[in-house]
Protein backbone atom coordinates (compact mmCIF):
# COMPACT_ATOMS: atom_id res chain seq x y z
CA MET A 1 -26.70 159.60 -158.78
CA TYR A 2 -23.24 158.22 -158.10
CA LEU A 3 -24.06 155.15 -155.95
CA MET A 4 -22.12 152.03 -154.99
CA LEU A 5 -23.36 149.15 -152.84
CA ALA A 6 -21.62 145.99 -151.60
CA SER A 7 -22.03 143.45 -148.83
CA VAL A 8 -19.89 140.74 -147.23
CA ARG A 9 -20.52 138.14 -144.52
CA SER A 10 -19.21 138.29 -140.98
CA THR A 11 -20.32 137.14 -137.54
CA SER A 12 -21.17 138.34 -134.07
CA LEU A 13 -20.57 136.37 -130.88
CA TRP A 14 -23.59 135.26 -128.87
CA GLY A 15 -22.26 133.55 -125.79
CA THR A 16 -19.95 130.92 -127.28
CA ASP A 17 -21.90 130.67 -130.55
CA ALA A 18 -21.61 132.74 -133.71
CA LEU A 19 -24.52 134.60 -135.33
CA ALA A 20 -24.42 135.49 -139.01
CA VAL A 21 -24.01 139.22 -139.71
CA THR A 22 -24.21 140.89 -143.11
CA VAL A 23 -21.96 143.95 -143.46
CA GLU A 24 -23.44 146.31 -146.05
CA ALA A 25 -21.52 149.29 -147.44
CA ASP A 26 -23.26 152.21 -149.16
CA VAL A 27 -20.80 154.63 -150.79
CA HIS A 28 -22.04 157.68 -152.70
CA LYS A 29 -21.28 161.33 -153.39
CA GLY A 30 -22.18 163.93 -150.85
CA MET A 31 -20.80 165.55 -147.74
CA PRO A 32 -17.87 163.30 -146.68
CA SER A 33 -18.87 161.18 -143.68
CA PHE A 34 -18.46 157.68 -142.27
CA SER A 35 -21.28 156.25 -140.16
CA ILE A 36 -21.99 152.77 -138.81
CA VAL A 37 -25.53 151.65 -137.96
CA GLY A 38 -26.98 148.37 -136.74
CA LEU A 39 -26.63 148.61 -132.95
CA PRO A 40 -22.81 148.92 -132.77
CA ASP A 41 -21.03 149.40 -129.45
CA ASN A 42 -18.25 151.96 -128.97
CA ALA A 43 -15.53 149.56 -130.15
CA VAL A 44 -17.40 148.99 -133.43
CA LYS A 45 -18.02 152.72 -133.90
CA GLU A 46 -14.29 153.37 -133.44
CA SER A 47 -13.58 151.03 -136.35
CA ARG A 48 -14.27 154.01 -138.62
CA ASP A 49 -10.85 155.46 -137.77
CA ARG A 50 -9.06 152.11 -137.85
CA VAL A 51 -10.54 151.18 -141.23
CA ARG A 52 -9.82 154.59 -142.75
CA SER A 53 -6.16 154.48 -141.66
CA ALA A 54 -5.73 150.80 -142.61
CA ILE A 55 -7.01 151.42 -146.16
CA ALA A 56 -4.90 154.55 -146.59
CA ASN A 57 -1.74 152.88 -145.24
CA SER A 58 -2.31 149.92 -147.57
CA GLY A 59 -1.64 152.21 -150.53
CA ILE A 60 -5.26 153.01 -151.43
CA ASP A 61 -6.62 156.55 -151.44
CA PHE A 62 -9.57 156.77 -149.08
CA PRO A 63 -12.13 158.78 -151.06
CA PRO A 64 -13.94 161.82 -149.61
CA LEU A 65 -17.38 160.25 -150.04
CA ARG A 66 -20.42 159.62 -147.90
CA ILE A 67 -20.06 156.08 -146.45
CA THR A 68 -22.73 154.25 -144.50
CA ILE A 69 -22.12 150.80 -143.00
CA ASN A 70 -25.08 148.69 -141.90
CA LEU A 71 -24.63 145.62 -139.68
CA ALA A 72 -27.64 143.34 -140.11
CA PRO A 73 -29.63 142.09 -138.26
CA VAL A 74 -30.08 145.43 -136.55
CA ASP A 75 -31.67 144.08 -133.35
CA VAL A 76 -28.49 142.28 -132.18
CA LYS A 77 -25.83 144.32 -130.41
CA LYS A 78 -22.47 144.24 -132.25
CA GLU A 79 -19.30 144.32 -130.15
CA GLY A 80 -15.54 144.36 -130.48
CA GLY A 81 -13.04 144.77 -133.29
CA ILE A 82 -14.16 141.64 -135.14
CA PHE A 83 -15.92 143.79 -137.78
CA ASP A 84 -12.89 145.87 -138.85
CA LEU A 85 -11.82 143.53 -141.65
CA PRO A 86 -15.31 142.89 -143.11
CA ILE A 87 -16.10 146.63 -143.02
CA ALA A 88 -12.88 147.39 -144.90
CA VAL A 89 -13.56 144.65 -147.47
CA ALA A 90 -17.16 145.86 -147.97
CA ILE A 91 -15.92 149.42 -148.64
CA LEU A 92 -13.23 148.19 -151.05
CA SER A 93 -15.84 146.07 -152.84
CA ALA A 94 -18.17 149.05 -153.17
CA LEU A 95 -15.30 151.15 -154.57
CA GLY A 96 -14.39 148.43 -157.08
CA PHE A 97 -10.98 147.48 -155.71
CA VAL A 98 -12.12 143.87 -155.18
CA SER A 99 -14.85 141.84 -156.87
CA LYS A 100 -18.20 142.00 -155.12
CA ASP A 101 -19.13 138.49 -156.23
CA LYS A 102 -15.84 136.97 -155.09
CA ALA A 103 -15.89 138.78 -151.74
CA ALA A 104 -19.38 137.41 -151.10
CA ASP A 105 -17.99 133.86 -151.09
CA TYR A 106 -16.05 134.28 -147.84
CA LEU A 107 -16.75 135.07 -144.21
CA PHE A 108 -14.42 137.76 -142.82
CA VAL A 109 -13.33 138.36 -139.22
CA GLY A 110 -10.42 140.32 -137.80
CA GLU A 111 -9.32 143.50 -136.10
CA LEU A 112 -7.26 146.00 -138.11
CA GLY A 113 -4.21 147.92 -137.05
CA LEU A 114 -3.68 151.42 -138.38
CA ASN A 115 -1.00 150.09 -140.75
CA GLY A 116 -3.37 147.52 -142.24
CA THR A 117 -2.22 144.48 -140.24
CA VAL A 118 -4.91 141.98 -139.26
CA ARG A 119 -4.86 141.23 -135.54
CA SER A 120 -6.33 138.35 -133.59
CA THR A 121 -9.96 138.37 -132.53
CA ARG A 122 -12.29 136.31 -130.37
CA GLY A 123 -14.57 133.50 -131.47
CA VAL A 124 -12.81 132.50 -134.71
CA ILE A 125 -13.53 128.77 -134.30
CA SER A 126 -17.26 129.49 -133.96
CA ALA A 127 -17.09 131.82 -136.95
CA ALA A 128 -15.35 129.16 -139.03
CA ALA A 129 -18.05 126.62 -138.18
CA LEU A 130 -20.67 129.19 -139.18
CA ALA A 131 -18.95 129.68 -142.55
CA CYS A 132 -19.40 125.97 -143.22
CA GLY A 133 -23.04 126.13 -142.17
CA LEU A 134 -23.73 129.05 -144.50
CA GLY A 135 -22.29 127.18 -147.47
CA LEU A 136 -19.47 129.69 -148.05
CA LYS A 137 -16.03 128.83 -149.41
CA GLY A 138 -14.55 129.34 -145.96
CA ILE A 139 -13.25 131.97 -143.57
CA VAL A 140 -10.66 134.74 -143.97
CA CYS A 141 -9.17 135.29 -140.52
CA PRO A 142 -6.01 136.54 -138.76
CA ARG A 143 -2.98 134.27 -139.03
CA VAL A 144 -2.73 133.97 -135.27
CA ASN A 145 -6.15 132.31 -135.22
CA THR A 146 -5.32 129.73 -137.91
CA ASN A 147 -5.19 126.57 -135.77
CA GLU A 148 -8.54 127.06 -134.05
CA ALA A 149 -10.19 127.83 -137.40
CA LEU A 150 -8.75 124.66 -138.95
CA LEU A 151 -10.05 122.56 -136.05
CA SER A 152 -13.60 123.44 -137.09
CA GLY A 153 -13.13 121.64 -140.42
CA ALA A 154 -13.65 124.78 -142.54
CA HIS A 155 -11.43 126.01 -145.37
CA VAL A 156 -9.25 128.75 -143.95
CA TRP A 157 -7.49 131.71 -145.56
CA PRO A 158 -5.17 133.16 -142.88
CA VAL A 159 -4.02 136.72 -143.62
CA LYS A 160 -1.45 139.07 -142.13
CA ASP A 161 -2.74 142.37 -143.55
CA LEU A 162 -5.38 144.05 -145.69
CA LYS A 163 -3.26 143.83 -148.86
CA GLU A 164 -3.04 140.05 -148.59
CA THR A 165 -6.80 139.89 -148.04
CA MET A 166 -7.40 141.73 -151.32
CA GLN A 167 -4.98 139.43 -153.17
CA ILE A 168 -6.72 136.31 -151.85
CA ILE A 169 -10.09 137.57 -153.07
CA MET A 170 -8.94 138.68 -156.50
CA GLU A 171 -6.53 135.81 -157.25
CA ASP A 172 -8.72 132.96 -155.94
CA ARG A 173 -5.85 131.57 -153.91
CA PRO A 174 -6.39 128.09 -152.44
CA GLY A 175 -7.02 128.04 -148.72
CA LEU A 176 -5.90 125.64 -146.03
CA MET A 177 -8.02 122.52 -145.68
CA GLY A 178 -9.50 122.22 -142.20
CA ASN A 179 -9.51 118.88 -140.41
CA ALA A 180 -12.13 118.48 -137.71
CA ASP A 181 -10.74 115.03 -136.88
CA ALA A 182 -7.23 116.27 -136.09
CA LEU A 183 -6.44 116.01 -132.39
CA PRO A 184 -3.43 117.84 -130.96
CA ASP A 185 -1.37 115.83 -128.50
CA ASP A 186 -2.46 115.92 -124.89
CA HIS A 187 0.00 117.54 -122.51
CA HIS A 188 2.01 115.18 -120.32
CA ASP A 189 4.00 117.67 -118.22
CA LEU A 190 1.53 117.59 -115.33
CA PRO A 191 2.41 117.06 -111.65
CA ASP A 192 2.61 113.34 -110.89
CA LEU A 193 0.62 111.57 -108.19
CA ALA A 194 3.75 109.61 -107.26
CA GLU A 195 5.13 112.78 -105.68
CA VAL A 196 2.51 112.61 -102.92
CA THR A 197 3.64 110.52 -99.94
CA GLY A 198 1.04 108.48 -98.08
CA GLN A 199 -2.58 109.70 -98.24
CA ALA A 200 -3.98 106.33 -99.30
CA LEU A 201 -7.63 107.25 -98.63
CA PRO A 202 -7.57 110.65 -100.43
CA LYS A 203 -5.78 109.01 -103.36
CA ARG A 204 -8.46 106.35 -103.48
CA ALA A 205 -11.16 109.05 -103.50
CA LEU A 206 -9.25 110.89 -106.24
CA LEU A 207 -9.20 107.71 -108.33
CA ILE A 208 -12.95 107.19 -107.91
CA ALA A 209 -13.63 110.84 -108.73
CA ALA A 210 -11.55 110.66 -111.91
CA ALA A 211 -13.07 107.36 -113.01
CA GLY A 212 -16.69 108.52 -112.73
CA ALA A 213 -16.47 112.35 -113.01
CA HIS A 214 -17.69 112.64 -109.42
CA ASN A 215 -17.42 115.81 -107.33
CA LEU A 216 -14.96 115.60 -104.44
CA LEU A 217 -14.42 117.54 -101.21
CA MET A 218 -11.21 117.10 -99.19
CA ILE A 219 -11.25 118.16 -95.54
CA GLY A 220 -8.19 118.39 -93.36
CA PRO A 221 -5.79 120.65 -91.44
CA PRO A 222 -3.37 123.02 -93.17
CA GLY A 223 -0.39 121.34 -94.79
CA ALA A 224 -2.07 117.96 -95.10
CA GLY A 225 -1.66 117.98 -98.89
CA LYS A 226 -5.17 118.84 -100.08
CA SER A 227 -4.04 121.34 -102.72
CA MET A 228 -1.15 119.11 -103.75
CA LEU A 229 -3.55 116.23 -104.38
CA ALA A 230 -6.03 118.47 -106.20
CA LYS A 231 -3.41 119.73 -108.66
CA ARG A 232 -2.64 116.14 -109.61
CA LEU A 233 -6.18 115.21 -110.56
CA PRO A 234 -5.72 116.35 -114.21
CA SER A 235 -2.83 113.89 -114.58
CA ILE A 236 -5.18 110.92 -114.12
CA LEU A 237 -8.16 112.21 -116.08
CA PRO A 238 -8.94 110.79 -119.52
CA PRO A 239 -7.85 112.82 -122.57
CA LEU A 240 -10.32 115.14 -124.22
CA THR A 241 -12.39 113.70 -127.04
CA ARG A 242 -12.62 115.59 -130.33
CA ARG A 243 -16.05 116.95 -129.40
CA GLU A 244 -14.85 118.08 -125.98
CA MET A 245 -11.75 119.69 -127.49
CA LEU A 246 -13.92 121.68 -129.90
CA GLU A 247 -16.24 122.76 -127.07
CA CYS A 248 -13.37 123.93 -124.85
CA THR A 249 -11.63 125.75 -127.67
CA ARG A 250 -14.89 127.52 -128.60
CA ILE A 251 -15.33 128.67 -124.99
CA TYR A 252 -11.79 129.96 -124.55
CA SER A 253 -11.82 131.61 -127.97
CA ALA A 254 -15.11 133.38 -127.22
CA ALA A 255 -13.75 134.51 -123.86
CA GLY A 256 -10.54 135.83 -125.46
CA ARG A 257 -8.43 133.47 -123.35
CA LEU A 258 -6.98 131.32 -126.11
CA ALA A 259 -3.21 131.49 -126.42
CA ARG A 260 -1.65 132.55 -129.74
CA ASN A 261 -2.33 129.95 -132.45
CA ALA A 262 -3.35 127.36 -129.84
CA VAL A 263 -6.23 125.00 -129.16
CA ILE A 264 -7.33 123.48 -125.87
CA ALA A 265 -5.73 120.03 -125.95
CA SER A 266 -5.99 119.00 -122.27
CA ARG A 267 -8.76 119.17 -119.71
CA PRO A 268 -9.14 122.65 -118.17
CA PHE A 269 -8.17 123.07 -114.53
CA ARG A 270 -9.51 126.31 -113.10
CA SER A 271 -8.62 127.46 -109.60
CA PRO A 272 -10.13 130.91 -108.91
CA HIS A 273 -9.26 132.83 -105.75
CA HIS A 274 -11.89 132.91 -103.05
CA THR A 275 -12.34 136.69 -103.50
CA ILE A 276 -13.91 136.12 -106.94
CA SER A 277 -17.25 137.83 -107.58
CA ASP A 278 -20.50 136.07 -108.42
CA ALA A 279 -20.23 137.19 -112.05
CA GLY A 280 -16.62 136.03 -112.23
CA LEU A 281 -17.55 132.57 -111.00
CA ILE A 282 -20.90 132.01 -112.68
CA GLY A 283 -20.68 134.44 -115.60
CA GLY A 284 -22.31 137.77 -116.25
CA GLY A 285 -21.50 141.42 -116.81
CA THR A 286 -23.32 144.07 -118.82
CA THR A 287 -22.58 141.97 -121.86
CA PRO A 288 -22.79 138.37 -120.55
CA SER A 289 -19.41 136.66 -120.63
CA PRO A 290 -18.46 133.16 -119.42
CA GLY A 291 -17.41 132.67 -115.80
CA GLU A 292 -15.11 130.13 -114.21
CA VAL A 293 -17.78 127.40 -114.23
CA THR A 294 -17.87 127.69 -118.02
CA LEU A 295 -14.09 127.95 -118.42
CA ALA A 296 -13.93 124.67 -116.45
CA HIS A 297 -16.34 122.95 -118.88
CA ASN A 298 -15.17 119.36 -119.56
CA GLY A 299 -12.54 119.87 -116.88
CA VAL A 300 -12.05 120.59 -113.19
CA LEU A 301 -13.11 123.57 -111.07
CA PHE A 302 -10.97 123.60 -107.91
CA LEU A 303 -12.21 125.74 -105.04
CA ASP A 304 -9.56 125.91 -102.32
CA GLU A 305 -10.63 127.16 -98.87
CA LEU A 306 -14.25 126.53 -99.80
CA PRO A 307 -15.89 128.31 -96.80
CA GLU A 308 -14.07 131.54 -97.70
CA TYR A 309 -16.02 131.97 -100.94
CA ARG A 310 -19.10 134.16 -100.99
CA ARG A 311 -22.19 132.29 -99.92
CA SER A 312 -24.11 133.69 -102.90
CA SER A 313 -21.45 132.44 -105.34
CA LEU A 314 -21.47 128.93 -103.90
CA GLU A 315 -25.26 128.76 -103.92
CA ALA A 316 -25.33 129.91 -107.54
CA MET A 317 -23.27 126.83 -108.46
CA ARG A 318 -26.01 124.43 -107.41
CA GLN A 319 -27.93 124.73 -110.67
CA PRO A 320 -24.96 124.32 -113.09
CA ILE A 321 -23.71 121.34 -111.06
CA GLU A 322 -27.03 119.62 -111.74
CA ASP A 323 -27.77 120.85 -115.27
CA GLY A 324 -24.33 121.27 -116.82
CA GLU A 325 -25.14 124.77 -118.08
CA VAL A 326 -25.79 128.24 -116.74
CA THR A 327 -28.11 130.91 -118.14
CA VAL A 328 -27.23 134.58 -117.66
CA SER A 329 -30.29 136.77 -118.14
CA ARG A 330 -30.37 140.47 -118.88
CA ALA A 331 -33.27 142.80 -119.69
CA ALA A 332 -32.79 142.45 -123.45
CA SER A 333 -31.52 138.90 -123.75
CA ALA A 334 -30.47 135.67 -122.08
CA VAL A 335 -27.30 133.73 -122.90
CA THR A 336 -26.76 130.09 -121.98
CA PHE A 337 -23.19 128.93 -121.39
CA PRO A 338 -22.08 125.29 -121.06
CA ALA A 339 -20.86 124.41 -117.56
CA ARG A 340 -20.36 120.63 -117.32
CA PHE A 341 -17.46 120.66 -114.85
CA GLN A 342 -16.13 118.40 -112.12
CA LEU A 343 -16.12 120.19 -108.77
CA LEU A 344 -13.06 119.64 -106.60
CA ALA A 345 -12.96 121.50 -103.29
CA ALA A 346 -10.78 121.68 -100.21
CA MET A 347 -11.40 123.13 -96.76
CA ASN A 348 -10.15 123.21 -93.19
CA PRO A 349 -12.32 121.58 -90.51
CA CYS A 350 -12.49 124.79 -88.44
CA PRO A 351 -11.34 128.43 -88.51
CA CYS A 352 -7.93 127.69 -87.00
CA GLY A 353 -7.65 124.56 -89.11
CA PHE A 354 -6.49 122.10 -86.45
CA LYS A 355 -9.70 120.37 -85.40
CA GLY A 356 -8.91 116.65 -85.58
CA HIS A 357 -5.15 117.22 -85.92
CA PRO A 358 -3.20 114.38 -84.26
CA THR A 359 -0.63 116.63 -82.52
CA ARG A 360 -1.92 120.22 -82.52
CA GLU A 361 -4.78 121.52 -80.40
CA CYS A 362 -7.78 123.31 -81.88
CA ARG A 363 -8.44 126.71 -80.26
CA CYS A 364 -11.90 127.20 -81.77
CA THR A 365 -15.07 127.16 -79.70
CA PRO A 366 -17.96 124.89 -80.76
CA LEU A 367 -19.88 127.98 -81.83
CA GLN A 368 -17.00 129.16 -84.05
CA VAL A 369 -16.73 125.72 -85.65
CA ALA A 370 -20.47 125.55 -86.27
CA LYS A 371 -20.50 129.06 -87.75
CA TYR A 372 -17.55 128.20 -90.00
CA LEU A 373 -19.12 125.00 -91.33
CA ALA A 374 -22.48 126.74 -91.77
CA LYS A 375 -20.92 128.85 -94.54
CA ILE A 376 -21.44 125.83 -96.81
CA SER A 377 -25.08 124.91 -97.21
CA GLY A 378 -26.44 121.40 -96.94
CA PRO A 379 -27.83 121.40 -100.49
CA LEU A 380 -24.37 122.20 -101.90
CA LEU A 381 -22.71 119.50 -99.79
CA ASP A 382 -25.40 117.08 -100.95
CA ARG A 383 -24.26 117.64 -104.54
CA ILE A 384 -20.69 116.60 -103.73
CA ASP A 385 -20.42 112.82 -104.11
CA LEU A 386 -17.20 112.17 -102.19
CA HIS A 387 -16.16 113.68 -98.85
CA VAL A 388 -12.78 112.54 -97.58
CA TRP A 389 -10.65 113.44 -94.57
CA THR A 390 -7.01 114.26 -95.29
CA ASP A 391 -4.64 113.59 -92.38
CA PRO A 392 -1.27 115.33 -92.20
CA VAL A 393 1.73 113.15 -93.08
CA ASP A 394 4.43 112.84 -90.41
CA ALA A 395 8.06 113.74 -91.17
CA GLU A 396 9.30 110.14 -90.96
CA SER A 397 6.88 109.03 -93.65
CA VAL A 398 7.99 111.86 -95.91
CA LEU A 399 11.70 111.14 -95.46
CA GLU A 400 11.51 107.37 -95.58
CA GLY A 401 8.39 106.76 -97.61
CA SER A 402 8.69 105.11 -101.00
CA PRO A 403 7.21 106.82 -104.09
CA GLY A 404 3.51 106.23 -104.56
CA GLU A 405 1.76 104.91 -107.65
CA ALA A 406 2.51 107.02 -110.70
CA SER A 407 -0.21 109.00 -112.45
CA GLN A 408 0.30 106.99 -115.64
CA SER A 409 -0.57 103.77 -113.83
CA VAL A 410 -3.58 105.32 -112.07
CA ARG A 411 -4.78 106.82 -115.36
CA ALA A 412 -4.73 103.36 -116.93
CA LYS A 413 -7.19 102.19 -114.24
CA VAL A 414 -9.37 105.21 -114.93
CA LEU A 415 -9.43 104.50 -118.67
CA CYS A 416 -10.30 100.86 -118.05
CA ALA A 417 -13.26 101.87 -115.87
CA LEU A 418 -14.33 104.45 -118.43
CA SER A 419 -14.45 101.85 -121.18
CA ARG A 420 -17.28 100.17 -119.24
CA GLN A 421 -19.07 103.49 -118.71
CA HIS A 422 -18.86 104.55 -122.33
CA ALA A 423 -20.50 101.29 -123.30
CA ARG A 424 -23.42 102.41 -121.11
CA GLY A 425 -23.45 105.92 -122.54
CA GLY A 426 -21.13 108.16 -120.49
CA PHE A 427 -19.71 109.04 -117.08
CA ASN A 428 -21.42 107.42 -114.10
CA ALA A 429 -21.90 110.78 -112.37
CA ARG A 430 -24.08 111.87 -115.30
CA ILE A 431 -26.41 108.87 -115.47
CA ALA A 432 -29.97 110.14 -115.81
CA ASP A 433 -32.24 109.39 -112.87
CA GLN A 434 -34.71 107.54 -115.06
CA ALA A 435 -31.94 105.20 -116.26
CA LEU A 436 -30.51 104.49 -112.82
CA GLU A 437 -32.44 101.27 -112.15
CA VAL A 438 -31.56 99.87 -115.57
CA LEU A 439 -27.84 100.77 -115.57
CA CYS A 440 -27.17 100.36 -111.85
CA PRO A 441 -29.30 97.44 -110.55
CA LEU A 442 -28.80 96.69 -106.85
CA PRO A 443 -28.92 93.38 -105.01
CA ARG A 444 -31.73 92.99 -102.46
CA SER A 445 -29.26 93.27 -99.58
CA GLY A 446 -27.88 96.49 -101.09
CA LYS A 447 -31.33 98.05 -101.24
CA SER A 448 -31.88 97.17 -97.58
CA MET A 449 -28.53 98.78 -96.69
CA LEU A 450 -29.46 102.02 -98.46
CA ALA A 451 -32.95 102.05 -96.95
CA LEU A 452 -31.39 101.78 -93.49
CA ALA A 453 -28.96 104.59 -94.31
CA MET A 454 -31.80 106.85 -95.43
CA ARG A 455 -33.68 106.30 -92.18
CA GLN A 456 -30.79 106.33 -89.73
CA TYR A 457 -28.60 109.05 -91.25
CA HIS A 458 -31.27 111.13 -93.04
CA LEU A 459 -29.78 110.45 -96.44
CA SER A 460 -31.62 112.55 -99.03
CA MET A 461 -33.00 111.15 -102.27
CA ARG A 462 -30.27 113.00 -104.15
CA GLY A 463 -27.69 111.47 -101.82
CA TYR A 464 -29.26 108.05 -102.30
CA LYS A 465 -28.85 108.28 -106.07
CA ARG A 466 -25.32 109.64 -105.86
CA VAL A 467 -24.28 106.78 -103.57
CA ILE A 468 -25.47 104.32 -106.21
CA LYS A 469 -23.52 106.13 -108.93
CA VAL A 470 -20.33 106.14 -106.85
CA ALA A 471 -20.82 102.43 -106.10
CA ARG A 472 -21.20 101.83 -109.85
CA THR A 473 -17.83 103.52 -110.42
CA ILE A 474 -16.15 101.45 -107.69
CA ALA A 475 -17.49 98.27 -109.32
CA ASP A 476 -16.20 99.48 -112.70
CA LEU A 477 -12.74 99.99 -111.21
CA GLU A 478 -12.83 96.34 -110.14
CA ASP A 479 -14.06 95.37 -113.64
CA LEU A 480 -17.29 93.93 -112.22
CA SER A 481 -20.63 94.10 -113.99
CA ALA A 482 -22.73 93.96 -110.80
CA ILE A 483 -22.77 96.33 -107.82
CA GLY A 484 -22.08 94.52 -104.57
CA GLU A 485 -22.65 95.35 -100.91
CA GLN A 486 -18.95 96.18 -100.51
CA HIS A 487 -19.20 98.80 -103.22
CA LEU A 488 -22.22 100.43 -101.59
CA ALA A 489 -20.52 100.33 -98.19
CA GLU A 490 -17.47 102.14 -99.54
CA ALA A 491 -19.62 104.69 -101.35
CA LEU A 492 -21.59 105.40 -98.17
CA GLN A 493 -18.47 106.22 -96.18
CA TYR A 494 -17.83 109.18 -98.48
CA ARG A 495 -21.17 110.87 -97.70
CA PRO A 496 -21.14 113.94 -95.36
CA GLU A 497 -23.67 112.32 -93.05
CA PHE A 498 -21.06 109.70 -92.23
CA ASP A 499 -17.94 111.83 -91.75
CA GLY A 500 -19.32 114.25 -89.19
CA VAL A 501 -18.98 117.40 -91.31
């Protein structure tokens, strides 16, 4: 019987990771047909028409044969156009247009246009890393995904169309050498903190938050500058490390949010609207996809008008705030996404926004204020290390005030404090509870101060530990090895039990 078999390697996305997939092509005589098996979704099934047209428009006669494509393993759902290129290469290998042995040395990903062009696809950086792990020569991918593939350290063969893919296989062309140590320049065109007039206390809280990766909540009337301050936090954060850059690029690539031929070079700053759904914030969908908490991984998640968000969405954030990851479970599978973000939130003190305003009167009743504040649960507030009041700035201060400290200068302080933290193993906000006594020893008087705070102000055990971590950051900013009473006193003033909210 006239029978031709061939197989090539590809990949399927699983969360932000890549799973190895073998694309097998069986071509033999019989009633002409083209079928794809191996749990494909509709987008993969439609690749039959794209592949047929791409091969024909590349100058190759598509034979009237019986073609069966198997995507193994068969118990993992296959999605998207990522399999177009490997399916086409497997068919061409089976027909003898390219060498089966040579094609087996590469991992192929890419969506095909009807004219044979290779279009961008999701998850290329994860696929490139998988190619290295499988011991293959490297990855053949769309040209527009070249930079993210190179960042993985794999050898990369970027292609523009199916013809070029065939030439690379048959001619053994050298690929591009990946460099996992290459770091693109951080962006410096961020809003500067010097543009904010006054606001000494919120700026101080912003500095502490940046220096220790602490969560921060700003409370104040409309127009006080909460959003303006929040948007300047990225300008004082430390640059991404190589590992963090790879993690962020993998996430954005898997989510299909990576710009053309780009990598994530600066810390993410996500600011979703308060109408966002639970799945949009936490992640989910029929096929689990990352939410905003994952897109903010290694960066900042800014929630403006915090009480306006759905209660269920805010409560769902409690677990990722603690664990740094979120698991989305479905009947057939569960996907875990990274979610190590820094929470930055802003809110008004009441529904009208003018409670505590120096010149405007609040029209809200005590019941309305209590109902408004009750939208945010105590457990969520307890997970926010710093709570700071933001007063409005008067017109005279704006017109006559001198520029504040520039972000570059503030960032230098943050980096100095971080050098101490990295010597201990990482950000202060992420110190493990079991290591707290060793890394953050307290003087006897400091322990007495915290014990009094726990009794008098009902400070929780979580709050107790977070106060110590904030005090450790304040001491680091002063380049001191020991935590003093003054550091604990300042840390305590940022707790919700002490600001009346």
